[in-house]
Amino acid sequence: MLYKRLIGIFIALSIIFSAGVFGYKIIEGWTTLDSLYMTVITLASVGFMEVHPLSNAGRIFTILLILYGSGVLIYGISVITAFIIEGELTDILRRRKMNKKISQLKGHYIVCGADHTGRYVIEELAKTKKDFVVIEKDAEKIKHFIEQNILCIEGDATHDAVLEMAGIKRARGFITSLHSDAENLFVVITAKRLNPDIRVISKAVEEESDQKIRMVGADGVVMPNSIGGLRMVSEMIRPTVVTFLDIMLRSKDRTIRIEDIEINPGSSFAGRTLDETGTLDIEGVTVVALKDKTNDTYVFNPSRKSALTTDNVLIVMGNVDFINKIKDRAAVHS
């Protein structure tokens, strides 16, 4: 709002300056430079003497120029002061810096919607130190994210331009947690059209929406109501396990998670045994299983002599910082 008012003030001042210059030229017959100089010292109220003696018409014109010009200047100063005090200038600078950071991201995640479910998604991505961008229409939520230095974009996730601004073509994953299943379905279609290779996870409220959202390209669909029911049963029949998972997920001292590490072509882990990678010797990290992508099977608690290939995915549990170090070691280095 203030931004539009500033533009209006700039236009008004431009009109007054132009009127002053052309007014003195027409009324007094002065040169452009003399007319401009007289306009500036009149509006600035510096008290310098007149460039040339003024006629009666020139004096009346000067009075009007002072009244209108000073009014616009005073109003402009008050708006600029409010612009700075209310923090909108800081917000604009932060957003420009944020947009620059977003344009440099690659292999990041995009989160659409910051409702109750989306908030936990954002919190988890932040805890596990992932690069991500939030897309949200609510200006107040966006302001909150900016204050927390969370990369975000204010806009409608169903629009191509907004997704492209978030780096959809460079992103690794896409999570949509909008209010309705129809919105989520439409966003999935849009995201998959812009980047067919991106992994998409969508929220669904109605059970019948699950299959529909998968049909348009979602790689996974999560129903919070269903998960909530399973959690309630787990609390009843396996309380110790649930307590362990709660401690793991909600610990404030350290972040413990279960993560997967893909062995891609060119990885330093490819062609080596699990023992040779040194992963088993890292304190605070446990290898839970080894997945074979060719037949989608798992070997739980694999032996040290297990040979790793590009068809494998390591599933490990432990401190996120240590897991990230293993991921760096397993990554493809050019």
C-alpha atoms as a PDB file:
ATOM      1  CA  MET A   1       0.000   0.000   0.000  1.00  0.00           C
ATOM      2  CA  LEU A   2       2.731   2.474   0.971  1.00  0.00           C
ATOM      3  CA  TYR A   3       4.670   1.453  -2.117  1.00  0.00           C
ATOM      4  CA  LYS A   4       1.784   2.598  -4.351  1.00  0.00           C
ATOM      5  CA  ARG A   5       1.512   5.849  -2.421  1.00  0.00           C
ATOM      6  CA  LEU A   6       5.223   6.525  -2.977  1.00  0.00           C
ATOM      7  CA  ILE A   7       4.765   6.079  -6.713  1.00  0.00           C
ATOM      8  CA  GLY A   8       1.820   8.488  -6.601  1.00  0.00           C
ATOM      9  CA  ILE A   9       3.916  11.092  -4.745  1.00  0.00           C
ATOM     10  CA  PHE A  10       6.748  10.735  -7.260  1.00  0.00           C
ATOM     11  CA  ILE A  11       4.311  11.305 -10.137  1.00  0.00           C
ATOM     12  CA  ALA A  12       2.764  14.333  -8.362  1.00  0.00           C
ATOM     13  CA  LEU A  13       6.188  15.901  -7.761  1.00  0.00           C
ATOM     14  CA  SER A  14       7.167  15.306 -11.386  1.00  0.00           C
ATOM     15  CA  ILE A  15       4.004  17.095 -12.530  1.00  0.00           C
ATOM     16  CA  ILE A  16       4.613  20.046 -10.144  1.00  0.00           C
ATOM     17  CA  PHE A  17       8.254  20.413 -11.251  1.00  0.00           C
ATOM     18  CA  SER A  18       7.235  20.281 -14.914  1.00  0.00           C
ATOM     19  CA  ALA A  19       4.436  22.815 -14.293  1.00  0.00           C
ATOM     20  CA  GLY A  20       6.893  25.122 -12.500  1.00  0.00           C
ATOM     21  CA  VAL A  21       9.471  25.041 -15.293  1.00  0.00           C
ATOM     22  CA  PHE A  22       6.949  25.541 -18.104  1.00  0.00           C
ATOM     23  CA  GLY A  23       5.007  28.119 -16.045  1.00  0.00           C
ATOM     24  CA  TYR A  24       8.032  30.417 -15.600  1.00  0.00           C
ATOM     25  CA  LYS A  25       9.003  29.955 -19.237  1.00  0.00           C
ATOM     26  CA  ILE A  26       5.545  30.935 -20.465  1.00  0.00           C
ATOM     27  CA  ILE A  27       4.715  33.650 -17.904  1.00  0.00           C
ATOM     28  CA  GLU A  28       8.152  35.268 -17.530  1.00  0.00           C
ATOM     29  CA  GLY A  29       9.817  34.161 -20.758  1.00  0.00           C
ATOM     30  CA  TRP A  30      12.845  32.742 -18.940  1.00  0.00           C
ATOM     31  CA  THR A  31      15.240  30.096 -20.198  1.00  0.00           C
ATOM     32  CA  THR A  32      14.765  26.446 -19.210  1.00  0.00           C
ATOM     33  CA  LEU A  33      17.723  26.570 -16.782  1.00  0.00           C
ATOM     34  CA  ASP A  34      16.474  29.751 -15.065  1.00  0.00           C
ATOM     35  CA  SER A  35      12.964  28.323 -14.839  1.00  0.00           C
ATOM     36  CA  LEU A  36      14.258  25.025 -13.382  1.00  0.00           C
ATOM     37  CA  TYR A  37      16.464  26.836 -10.855  1.00  0.00           C
ATOM     38  CA  MET A  38      13.578  29.062  -9.749  1.00  0.00           C
ATOM     39  CA  THR A  39      11.276  26.029  -9.392  1.00  0.00           C
ATOM     40  CA  VAL A  40      13.806  24.151  -7.241  1.00  0.00           C
ATOM     41  CA  ILE A  41      14.561  27.006  -4.845  1.00  0.00           C
ATOM     42  CA  THR A  42      10.845  27.795  -4.559  1.00  0.00           C
ATOM     43  CA  LEU A  43       9.803  24.237  -3.699  1.00  0.00           C
ATOM     44  CA  ALA A  44      12.817  23.691  -1.437  1.00  0.00           C
ATOM     45  CA  SER A  45      12.079  26.965   0.440  1.00  0.00           C
ATOM     46  CA  VAL A  46      15.782  27.782   0.711  1.00  0.00           C
ATOM     47  CA  GLY A  47      15.171  31.526   0.699  1.00  0.00           C
ATOM     48  CA  PHE A  48      17.499  32.473  -2.200  1.00  0.00           C
ATOM     49  CA  MET A  49      16.718  35.614  -4.153  1.00  0.00           C
ATOM     50  CA  GLU A  50      14.647  35.461  -7.304  1.00  0.00           C
ATOM     51  CA  VAL A  51      16.457  34.738 -10.558  1.00  0.00           C
ATOM     52  CA  HIS A  52      14.833  37.755 -12.189  1.00  0.00           C
ATOM     53  CA  PRO A  53      12.258  40.261 -10.930  1.00  0.00           C
ATOM     54  CA  LEU A  54       8.792  38.700 -11.102  1.00  0.00           C
ATOM     55  CA  SER A  55       5.716  40.160 -12.703  1.00  0.00           C
ATOM     56  CA  ASN A  56       2.413  40.155 -10.821  1.00  0.00           C
ATOM     57  CA  ALA A  57       1.333  37.045 -12.730  1.00  0.00           C
ATOM     58  CA  GLY A  58       4.679  35.449 -11.867  1.00  0.00           C
ATOM     59  CA  ARG A  59       4.209  36.197  -8.172  1.00  0.00           C
ATOM     60  CA  ILE A  60       0.713  34.667  -8.142  1.00  0.00           C
ATOM     61  CA  PHE A  61       2.082  31.592  -9.944  1.00  0.00           C
ATOM     62  CA  THR A  62       4.913  31.330  -7.362  1.00  0.00           C
ATOM     63  CA  ILE A  63       2.418  31.499  -4.466  1.00  0.00           C
ATOM     64  CA  LEU A  64       0.394  28.644  -5.976  1.00  0.00           C
ATOM     65  CA  LEU A  65       3.575  26.654  -6.661  1.00  0.00           C
ATOM     66  CA  ILE A  66       4.669  27.035  -3.031  1.00  0.00           C
ATOM     67  CA  LEU A  67       1.254  26.010  -1.646  1.00  0.00           C
ATOM     68  CA  TYR A  68       0.770  22.948  -3.809  1.00  0.00           C
ATOM     69  CA  GLY A  69       4.436  21.951  -3.944  1.00  0.00           C
ATOM     70  CA  SER A  70       5.047  22.267  -0.204  1.00  0.00           C
ATOM     71  CA  GLY A  71       1.894  20.273   0.514  1.00  0.00           C
ATOM     72  CA  VAL A  72       3.055  17.405  -1.701  1.00  0.00           C
ATOM     73  CA  LEU A  73       6.584  17.523  -0.220  1.00  0.00           C
ATOM     74  CA  ILE A  74       5.317  17.441   3.379  1.00  0.00           C
ATOM     75  CA  TYR A  75       2.970  14.565   2.539  1.00  0.00           C
ATOM     76  CA  GLY A  76       5.812  12.740   0.768  1.00  0.00           C
ATOM     77  CA  ILE A  77       8.130  13.096   3.772  1.00  0.00           C
ATOM     78  CA  SER A  78       5.440  11.722   6.106  1.00  0.00           C
ATOM     79  CA  VAL A  79       4.838   8.714   3.825  1.00  0.00           C
ATOM     80  CA  ILE A  80       8.577   7.987   3.511  1.00  0.00           C
ATOM     81  CA  THR A  81       8.931   8.229   7.295  1.00  0.00           C
ATOM     82  CA  ALA A  82       6.045   5.800   7.762  1.00  0.00           C
ATOM     83  CA  PHE A  83       7.569   3.593   5.053  1.00  0.00           C
ATOM     84  CA  ILE A  84      10.784   3.289   7.073  1.00  0.00           C
ATOM     85  CA  ILE A  85       9.247   3.154  10.573  1.00  0.00           C
ATOM     86  CA  GLU A  86       6.673   0.501   9.647  1.00  0.00           C
ATOM     87  CA  GLY A  87       9.456  -1.658   8.261  1.00  0.00           C
ATOM     88  CA  GLU A  88       8.162  -1.947   4.717  1.00  0.00           C
ATOM     89  CA  LEU A  89      11.454  -0.702   3.303  1.00  0.00           C
ATOM     90  CA  THR A  90      13.274  -3.390   5.257  1.00  0.00           C
ATOM     91  CA  ASP A  91      10.773  -5.982   4.013  1.00  0.00           C
ATOM     92  CA  ILE A  92      11.337  -4.958   0.399  1.00  0.00           C
ATOM     93  CA  LEU A  93      15.114  -5.203   0.787  1.00  0.00           C
ATOM     94  CA  ARG A  94      14.755  -8.587   2.503  1.00  0.00           C
ATOM     95  CA  ARG A  95      12.489  -9.861  -0.259  1.00  0.00           C
ATOM     96  CA  ARG A  96      14.933  -8.790  -2.958  1.00  0.00           C
ATOM     97  CA  LYS A  97      17.755 -10.550  -1.137  1.00  0.00           C
ATOM     98  CA  MET A  98      15.501 -13.577  -0.641  1.00  0.00           C
ATOM     99  CA  ASN A  99      14.530 -13.714  -4.330  1.00  0.00           C
ATOM    100  CA  LYS A 100      18.212 -13.652  -5.253  1.00  0.00           C
ATOM    101  CA  LYS A 101      18.878 -16.611  -2.928  1.00  0.00           C
ATOM    102  CA  ILE A 102      15.927 -18.518  -4.381  1.00  0.00           C
ATOM    103  CA  SER A 103      17.215 -17.981  -7.924  1.00  0.00           C
ATOM    104  CA  GLN A 104      20.500 -19.634  -6.895  1.00  0.00           C
ATOM    105  CA  LEU A 105      18.923 -22.753  -5.333  1.00  0.00           C
ATOM    106  CA  LYS A 106      19.252 -26.160  -6.966  1.00  0.00           C
ATOM    107  CA  GLY A 107      18.028 -29.538  -5.720  1.00  0.00           C
ATOM    108  CA  HIS A 108      15.800 -27.850  -3.140  1.00  0.00           C
ATOM    109  CA  TYR A 109      12.234 -28.515  -1.968  1.00  0.00           C
ATOM    110  CA  ILE A 110       9.097 -26.445  -2.543  1.00  0.00           C
ATOM    111  CA  VAL A 111       6.265 -26.348   0.013  1.00  0.00           C
ATOM    112  CA  CYS A 112       2.856 -25.042  -1.083  1.00  0.00           C
ATOM    113  CA  GLY A 113       0.620 -23.912   1.744  1.00  0.00           C
ATOM    114  CA  ALA A 114       1.428 -23.121   5.361  1.00  0.00           C
ATOM    115  CA  ASP A 115      -1.651 -24.457   7.133  1.00  0.00           C
ATOM    116  CA  HIS A 116      -1.419 -26.747  10.172  1.00  0.00           C
ATOM    117  CA  THR A 117       0.058 -29.620   8.130  1.00  0.00           C
ATOM    118  CA  GLY A 118       2.315 -27.357   6.078  1.00  0.00           C
ATOM    119  CA  ARG A 119       3.695 -25.751   9.216  1.00  0.00           C
ATOM    120  CA  TYR A 120       5.028 -29.097  10.434  1.00  0.00           C
ATOM    121  CA  VAL A 121       6.505 -29.783   6.983  1.00  0.00           C
ATOM    122  CA  ILE A 122       8.348 -26.463   7.105  1.00  0.00           C
ATOM    123  CA  GLU A 123       9.532 -27.087  10.663  1.00  0.00           C
ATOM    124  CA  GLU A 124      10.896 -30.527   9.737  1.00  0.00           C
ATOM    125  CA  LEU A 125      12.724 -29.277   6.634  1.00  0.00           C
ATOM    126  CA  ALA A 126      14.295 -26.509   8.725  1.00  0.00           C
ATOM    127  CA  LYS A 127      15.351 -28.929  11.484  1.00  0.00           C
ATOM    128  CA  THR A 128      16.950 -31.314   9.009  1.00  0.00           C
ATOM    129  CA  LYS A 129      18.742 -28.398   7.305  1.00  0.00           C
ATOM    130  CA  LYS A 130      17.226 -28.813   3.850  1.00  0.00           C
ATOM    131  CA  ASP A 131      17.040 -26.021   1.304  1.00  0.00           C
ATOM    132  CA  PHE A 132      13.396 -25.158   0.678  1.00  0.00           C
ATOM    133  CA  VAL A 133      11.019 -22.441  -0.490  1.00  0.00           C
ATOM    134  CA  VAL A 134       7.506 -21.802   0.869  1.00  0.00           C
ATOM    135  CA  ILE A 135       4.687 -20.579  -1.390  1.00  0.00           C
ATOM    136  CA  GLU A 136       1.807 -18.975   0.510  1.00  0.00           C
ATOM    137  CA  LYS A 137      -0.998 -16.508  -0.352  1.00  0.00           C
ATOM    138  CA  ASP A 138      -1.468 -15.147   3.186  1.00  0.00           C
ATOM    139  CA  ALA A 139       0.563 -11.922   3.498  1.00  0.00           C
ATOM    140  CA  GLU A 140       0.746 -12.174   7.303  1.00  0.00           C
ATOM    141  CA  LYS A 141       2.250 -15.668   7.132  1.00  0.00           C
ATOM    142  CA  ILE A 142       4.737 -14.484   4.513  1.00  0.00           C
ATOM    143  CA  LYS A 143       5.765 -11.613   6.782  1.00  0.00           C
ATOM    144  CA  HIS A 144       6.322 -14.107   9.598  1.00  0.00           C
ATOM    145  CA  PHE A 145       8.512 -16.294   7.356  1.00  0.00           C
ATOM    146  CA  ILE A 146      10.565 -13.290   6.254  1.00  0.00           C
ATOM    147  CA  GLU A 147      11.220 -12.384   9.901  1.00  0.00           C
ATOM    148  CA  GLN A 148      12.439 -15.964  10.458  1.00  0.00           C
ATOM    149  CA  ASN A 149      14.659 -15.787   7.339  1.00  0.00           C
ATOM    150  CA  ILE A 150      12.694 -18.628   5.712  1.00  0.00           C
ATOM    151  CA  LEU A 151      12.789 -18.411   1.916  1.00  0.00           C
ATOM    152  CA  CYS A 152       9.245 -17.735   0.733  1.00  0.00           C
ATOM    153  CA  ILE A 153       7.149 -16.362  -2.106  1.00  0.00           C
ATOM    154  CA  GLU A 154       3.780 -14.663  -1.749  1.00  0.00           C
ATOM    155  CA  GLY A 155       1.459 -15.923  -4.465  1.00  0.00           C
ATOM    156  CA  ASP A 156      -0.880 -18.578  -5.820  1.00  0.00           C
ATOM    157  CA  ALA A 157       0.847 -21.938  -6.331  1.00  0.00           C
ATOM    158  CA  THR A 158      -1.546 -22.778  -9.192  1.00  0.00           C
ATOM    159  CA  HIS A 159       0.124 -20.095 -11.347  1.00  0.00           C
ATOM    160  CA  ASP A 160       3.083 -21.126 -13.510  1.00  0.00           C
ATOM    161  CA  ALA A 161       4.952 -17.866 -12.863  1.00  0.00           C
ATOM    162  CA  VAL A 162       4.897 -18.390  -9.086  1.00  0.00           C
ATOM    163  CA  LEU A 163       6.230 -21.957  -9.345  1.00  0.00           C
ATOM    164  CA  GLU A 164       8.924 -20.860 -11.787  1.00  0.00           C
ATOM    165  CA  MET A 165       9.925 -18.093  -9.370  1.00  0.00           C
ATOM    166  CA  ALA A 166      10.334 -20.801  -6.702  1.00  0.00           C
ATOM    167  CA  GLY A 167      12.678 -22.697  -9.026  1.00  0.00           C
ATOM    168  CA  ILE A 168      10.339 -25.592  -9.884  1.00  0.00           C
ATOM    169  CA  LYS A 169      12.563 -26.705 -12.791  1.00  0.00           C
ATOM    170  CA  ARG A 170      15.620 -26.931 -10.517  1.00  0.00           C
ATOM    171  CA  ALA A 171      13.852 -28.378  -7.467  1.00  0.00           C
ATOM    172  CA  ARG A 172      14.246 -31.907  -6.155  1.00  0.00           C
ATOM    173  CA  GLY A 173      10.914 -32.267  -4.403  1.00  0.00           C
ATOM    174  CA  PHE A 174       7.490 -30.645  -4.206  1.00  0.00           C
ATOM    175  CA  ILE A 175       5.023 -30.823  -1.298  1.00  0.00           C
ATOM    176  CA  THR A 176       1.518 -29.396  -1.547  1.00  0.00           C
ATOM    177  CA  SER A 177      -0.577 -28.937   1.583  1.00  0.00           C
ATOM    178  CA  LEU A 178      -3.370 -26.630   0.462  1.00  0.00           C
ATOM    179  CA  HIS A 179      -6.825 -26.502   2.086  1.00  0.00           C
ATOM    180  CA  SER A 180      -8.830 -28.535  -0.421  1.00  0.00           C
ATOM    181  CA  ASP A 181      -8.143 -31.696  -2.407  1.00  0.00           C
ATOM    182  CA  ALA A 182      -9.173 -29.881  -5.602  1.00  0.00           C
ATOM    183  CA  GLU A 183      -6.476 -27.238  -5.054  1.00  0.00           C
ATOM    184  CA  ASN A 184      -3.852 -29.873  -4.321  1.00  0.00           C
ATOM    185  CA  LEU A 185      -4.823 -31.846  -7.423  1.00  0.00           C
ATOM    186  CA  PHE A 186      -4.551 -28.770  -9.650  1.00  0.00           C
ATOM    187  CA  VAL A 187      -1.168 -27.803  -8.168  1.00  0.00           C
ATOM    188  CA  VAL A 188       0.165 -31.342  -8.737  1.00  0.00           C
ATOM    189  CA  ILE A 189      -0.849 -31.123 -12.418  1.00  0.00           C
ATOM    190  CA  THR A 190       0.874 -27.743 -12.764  1.00  0.00           C
ATOM    191  CA  ALA A 191       4.069 -28.859 -11.000  1.00  0.00           C
ATOM    192  CA  LYS A 192       4.382 -32.075 -13.029  1.00  0.00           C
ATOM    193  CA  ARG A 193       3.828 -30.197 -16.269  1.00  0.00           C
ATOM    194  CA  LEU A 194       6.633 -27.764 -15.492  1.00  0.00           C
ATOM    195  CA  ASN A 195       8.998 -30.462 -14.196  1.00  0.00           C
ATOM    196  CA  PRO A 196       7.988 -34.067 -15.035  1.00  0.00           C
ATOM    197  CA  ASP A 197      10.956 -35.493 -13.085  1.00  0.00           C
ATOM    198  CA  ILE A 198      10.229 -33.797  -9.753  1.00  0.00           C
ATOM    199  CA  ARG A 199       9.027 -35.936  -6.832  1.00  0.00           C
ATOM    200  CA  VAL A 200       5.608 -34.701  -5.683  1.00  0.00           C
ATOM    201  CA  ILE A 201       3.906 -35.428  -2.351  1.00  0.00           C
ATOM    202  CA  SER A 202       0.371 -34.175  -1.784  1.00  0.00           C
ATOM    203  CA  LYS A 203      -1.992 -33.912   1.167  1.00  0.00           C
ATOM    204  CA  ALA A 204      -5.490 -35.356   0.804  1.00  0.00           C
ATOM    205  CA  VAL A 205      -8.497 -34.981   3.085  1.00  0.00           C
ATOM    206  CA  GLU A 206     -10.953 -37.348   1.427  1.00  0.00           C
ATOM    207  CA  GLU A 207      -9.991 -41.000   0.934  1.00  0.00           C
ATOM    208  CA  GLU A 208     -11.408 -41.046  -2.594  1.00  0.00           C
ATOM    209  CA  SER A 209      -9.052 -38.223  -3.573  1.00  0.00           C
ATOM    210  CA  ASP A 210      -5.993 -40.424  -3.032  1.00  0.00           C
ATOM    211  CA  GLN A 211      -6.243 -42.265  -6.350  1.00  0.00           C
ATOM    212  CA  LYS A 212      -7.216 -39.135  -8.310  1.00  0.00           C
ATOM    213  CA  ILE A 213      -4.210 -37.163  -7.094  1.00  0.00           C
ATOM    214  CA  ARG A 214      -1.882 -40.086  -7.854  1.00  0.00           C
ATOM    215  CA  MET A 215      -3.358 -40.367 -11.359  1.00  0.00           C
ATOM    216  CA  VAL A 216      -2.342 -36.783 -12.207  1.00  0.00           C
ATOM    217  CA  GLY A 217       1.272 -37.376 -11.174  1.00  0.00           C
ATOM    218  CA  ALA A 218       1.702 -37.354  -7.389  1.00  0.00           C
ATOM    219  CA  ASP A 219       4.382 -39.803  -6.237  1.00  0.00           C
ATOM    220  CA  GLY A 220       2.848 -39.995  -2.781  1.00  0.00           C
ATOM    221  CA  VAL A 221      -0.381 -38.946  -1.058  1.00  0.00           C
ATOM    222  CA  VAL A 222      -0.639 -38.434   2.696  1.00  0.00           C
ATOM    223  CA  MET A 223      -3.953 -38.290   4.561  1.00  0.00           C
ATOM    224  CA  PRO A 224      -3.471 -36.557   7.953  1.00  0.00           C
ATOM    225  CA  ASN A 225      -6.754 -37.935   9.335  1.00  0.00           C
ATOM    226  CA  SER A 226      -5.700 -41.519   8.560  1.00  0.00           C
ATOM    227  CA  ILE A 227      -2.256 -41.010  10.072  1.00  0.00           C
ATOM    228  CA  GLY A 228      -3.830 -39.457  13.163  1.00  0.00           C
ATOM    229  CA  GLY A 229      -5.992 -42.543  13.655  1.00  0.00           C
ATOM    230  CA  LEU A 230      -3.004 -44.887  13.311  1.00  0.00           C
ATOM    231  CA  ARG A 231      -1.086 -42.790  15.807  1.00  0.00           C
ATOM    232  CA  MET A 232      -3.888 -43.077  18.364  1.00  0.00           C
ATOM    233  CA  VAL A 233      -3.913 -46.867  18.037  1.00  0.00           C
ATOM    234  CA  SER A 234      -0.116 -46.986  18.334  1.00  0.00           C
ATOM    235  CA  GLU A 235      -0.277 -44.940  21.522  1.00  0.00           C
ATOM    236  CA  MET A 236      -2.604 -47.603  22.907  1.00  0.00           C
ATOM    237  CA  ILE A 237      -0.910 -50.857  21.847  1.00  0.00           C
ATOM    238  CA  ARG A 238       2.797 -49.935  21.527  1.00  0.00           C
ATOM    239  CA  PRO A 239       3.392 -46.938  23.841  1.00  0.00           C
ATOM    240  CA  THR A 240       7.143 -47.525  24.300  1.00  0.00           C
ATOM    241  CA  VAL A 241       7.817 -47.414  20.564  1.00  0.00           C
ATOM    242  CA  VAL A 242       5.742 -44.250  20.190  1.00  0.00           C
ATOM    243  CA  THR A 243       7.589 -42.612  23.078  1.00  0.00           C
ATOM    244  CA  PHE A 244      10.922 -43.477  21.437  1.00  0.00           C
ATOM    245  CA  LEU A 245       9.799 -41.966  18.130  1.00  0.00           C
ATOM    246  CA  ASP A 246       8.530 -38.841  19.900  1.00  0.00           C
ATOM    247  CA  ILE A 247      11.872 -38.366  21.614  1.00  0.00           C
ATOM    248  CA  MET A 248      13.641 -38.882  18.304  1.00  0.00           C
ATOM    249  CA  LEU A 249      11.460 -36.389  16.426  1.00  0.00           C
ATOM    250  CA  ARG A 250      10.988 -33.746  19.110  1.00  0.00           C
ATOM    251  CA  SER A 251      14.343 -33.640  20.868  1.00  0.00           C
ATOM    252  CA  LYS A 252      15.581 -30.053  21.136  1.00  0.00           C
ATOM    253  CA  ASP A 253      19.155 -30.968  22.034  1.00  0.00           C
ATOM    254  CA  ARG A 254      19.858 -32.847  18.799  1.00  0.00           C
ATOM    255  CA  THR A 255      17.981 -33.833  15.657  1.00  0.00           C
ATOM    256  CA  ILE A 256      17.695 -37.620  15.233  1.00  0.00           C
ATOM    257  CA  ARG A 257      16.129 -38.894  12.031  1.00  0.00           C
ATOM    258  CA  ILE A 258      15.910 -41.900   9.701  1.00  0.00           C
ATOM    259  CA  GLU A 259      17.283 -40.920   6.284  1.00  0.00           C
ATOM    260  CA  ASP A 260      18.092 -42.636   2.991  1.00  0.00           C
ATOM    261  CA  ILE A 261      21.371 -42.322   1.088  1.00  0.00           C
ATOM    262  CA  GLU A 262      21.259 -43.184  -2.600  1.00  0.00           C
ATOM    263  CA  ILE A 263      24.313 -44.783  -4.194  1.00  0.00           C
ATOM    264  CA  ASN A 264      24.353 -43.053  -7.575  1.00  0.00           C
ATOM    265  CA  PRO A 265      26.706 -43.755 -10.516  1.00  0.00           C
ATOM    266  CA  GLY A 266      30.071 -42.163  -9.747  1.00  0.00           C
ATOM    267  CA  SER A 267      29.541 -42.296  -5.969  1.00  0.00           C
ATOM    268  CA  SER A 268      32.631 -43.038  -3.882  1.00  0.00           C
ATOM    269  CA  PHE A 269      30.597 -45.776  -2.138  1.00  0.00           C
ATOM    270  CA  ALA A 270      29.839 -47.695  -5.351  1.00  0.00           C
ATOM    271  CA  GLY A 271      31.821 -50.950  -5.612  1.00  0.00           C
ATOM    272  CA  ARG A 272      32.875 -50.908  -1.961  1.00  0.00           C
ATOM    273  CA  THR A 273      31.661 -52.919   0.995  1.00  0.00           C
ATOM    274  CA  LEU A 274      29.672 -51.293   3.786  1.00  0.00           C
ATOM    275  CA  ASP A 275      32.701 -51.789   6.043  1.00  0.00           C
ATOM    276  CA  GLU A 276      35.035 -50.027   3.590  1.00  0.00           C
ATOM    277  CA  THR A 277      32.834 -46.913   3.498  1.00  0.00           C
ATOM    278  CA  GLY A 278      33.426 -46.331   7.206  1.00  0.00           C
ATOM    279  CA  THR A 279      29.724 -45.688   7.789  1.00  0.00           C
ATOM    280  CA  LEU A 280      29.469 -48.379  10.475  1.00  0.00           C
ATOM    281  CA  ASP A 281      32.270 -46.779  12.484  1.00  0.00           C
ATOM    282  CA  ILE A 282      30.601 -43.378  12.830  1.00  0.00           C
ATOM    283  CA  GLU A 283      29.288 -42.917  16.359  1.00  0.00           C
ATOM    284  CA  GLY A 284      25.676 -41.784  16.522  1.00  0.00           C
ATOM    285  CA  VAL A 285      24.679 -43.368  13.181  1.00  0.00           C
ATOM    286  CA  THR A 286      23.146 -46.827  12.690  1.00  0.00           C
ATOM    287  CA  VAL A 287      22.612 -48.569   9.339  1.00  0.00           C
ATOM    288  CA  VAL A 288      19.030 -49.851   9.528  1.00  0.00           C
ATOM    289  CA  ALA A 289      18.619 -51.473   6.120  1.00  0.00           C
ATOM    290  CA  LEU A 290      19.925 -51.771   2.576  1.00  0.00           C
ATOM    291  CA  LYS A 291      17.423 -51.425  -0.270  1.00  0.00           C
ATOM    292  CA  ASP A 292      17.812 -53.025  -3.691  1.00  0.00           C
ATOM    293  CA  LYS A 293      16.042 -50.760  -6.205  1.00  0.00           C
ATOM    294  CA  THR A 294      15.914 -53.425  -8.921  1.00  0.00           C
ATOM    295  CA  ASN A 295      13.430 -55.630  -7.074  1.00  0.00           C
ATOM    296  CA  ASP A 296      12.351 -53.237  -4.305  1.00  0.00           C
ATOM    297  CA  THR A 297      13.589 -55.530  -1.502  1.00  0.00           C
ATOM    298  CA  TYR A 298      15.230 -54.682   1.806  1.00  0.00           C
ATOM    299  CA  VAL A 299      17.996 -56.315   3.822  1.00  0.00           C
ATOM    300  CA  PHE A 300      17.629 -55.274   7.462  1.00  0.00           C
ATOM    301  CA  ASN A 301      20.744 -54.836   9.568  1.00  0.00           C
ATOM    302  CA  PRO A 302      23.089 -55.647   6.620  1.00  0.00           C
ATOM    303  CA  SER A 303      26.498 -57.208   7.296  1.00  0.00           C
ATOM    304  CA  ARG A 304      29.795 -55.358   7.045  1.00  0.00           C
ATOM    305  CA  LYS A 305      30.669 -57.369   3.927  1.00  0.00           C
ATOM    306  CA  SER A 306      27.599 -56.194   1.982  1.00  0.00           C
ATOM    307  CA  ALA A 307      28.755 -54.834  -1.361  1.00  0.00           C
ATOM    308  CA  LEU A 308      27.239 -51.528  -2.408  1.00  0.00           C
ATOM    309  CA  THR A 309      26.159 -50.910  -5.996  1.00  0.00           C
ATOM    310  CA  THR A 310      24.338 -48.122  -7.842  1.00  0.00           C
ATOM    311  CA  ASP A 311      21.155 -50.151  -7.355  1.00  0.00           C
ATOM    312  CA  ASN A 312      21.339 -49.685  -3.577  1.00  0.00           C
ATOM    313  CA  VAL A 313      19.922 -47.189  -1.114  1.00  0.00           C
ATOM    314  CA  LEU A 314      21.283 -47.052   2.441  1.00  0.00           C
ATOM    315  CA  ILE A 315      18.728 -46.413   5.181  1.00  0.00           C
ATOM    316  CA  VAL A 316      20.390 -44.979   8.271  1.00  0.00           C
ATOM    317  CA  MET A 317      19.245 -43.583  11.624  1.00  0.00           C
ATOM    318  CA  GLY A 318      21.123 -41.064  13.714  1.00  0.00           C
ATOM    319  CA  ASN A 319      22.152 -37.464  14.211  1.00  0.00           C
ATOM    320  CA  VAL A 320      21.285 -35.385  11.113  1.00  0.00           C
ATOM    321  CA  ASP A 321      24.652 -33.606  11.128  1.00  0.00           C
ATOM    322  CA  PHE A 322      26.524 -36.919  10.990  1.00  0.00           C
ATOM    323  CA  ILE A 323      24.160 -38.306   8.345  1.00  0.00           C
ATOM    324  CA  ASN A 324      24.749 -35.239   6.174  1.00  0.00           C
ATOM    325  CA  LYS A 325      28.495 -35.858   6.393  1.00  0.00           C
ATOM    326  CA  ILE A 326      27.963 -39.431   5.162  1.00  0.00           C
ATOM    327  CA  LYS A 327      25.814 -38.085   2.311  1.00  0.00           C
ATOM    328  CA  ASP A 328      28.621 -35.716   1.338  1.00  0.00           C
ATOM    329  CA  ARG A 329      31.096 -38.600   1.306  1.00  0.00           C
ATOM    330  CA  ALA A 330      28.723 -40.752  -0.763  1.00  0.00           C
ATOM    331  CA  ALA A 331      27.930 -37.986  -3.223  1.00  0.00           C
ATOM    332  CA  VAL A 332      29.219 -37.882  -6.790  1.00  0.00           C
ATOM    333  CA  HIS A 333      32.241 -35.572  -6.949  1.00  0.00           C
ATOM    334  CA  SER A 334      33.270 -34.233 -10.325  1.00  0.00           C
END
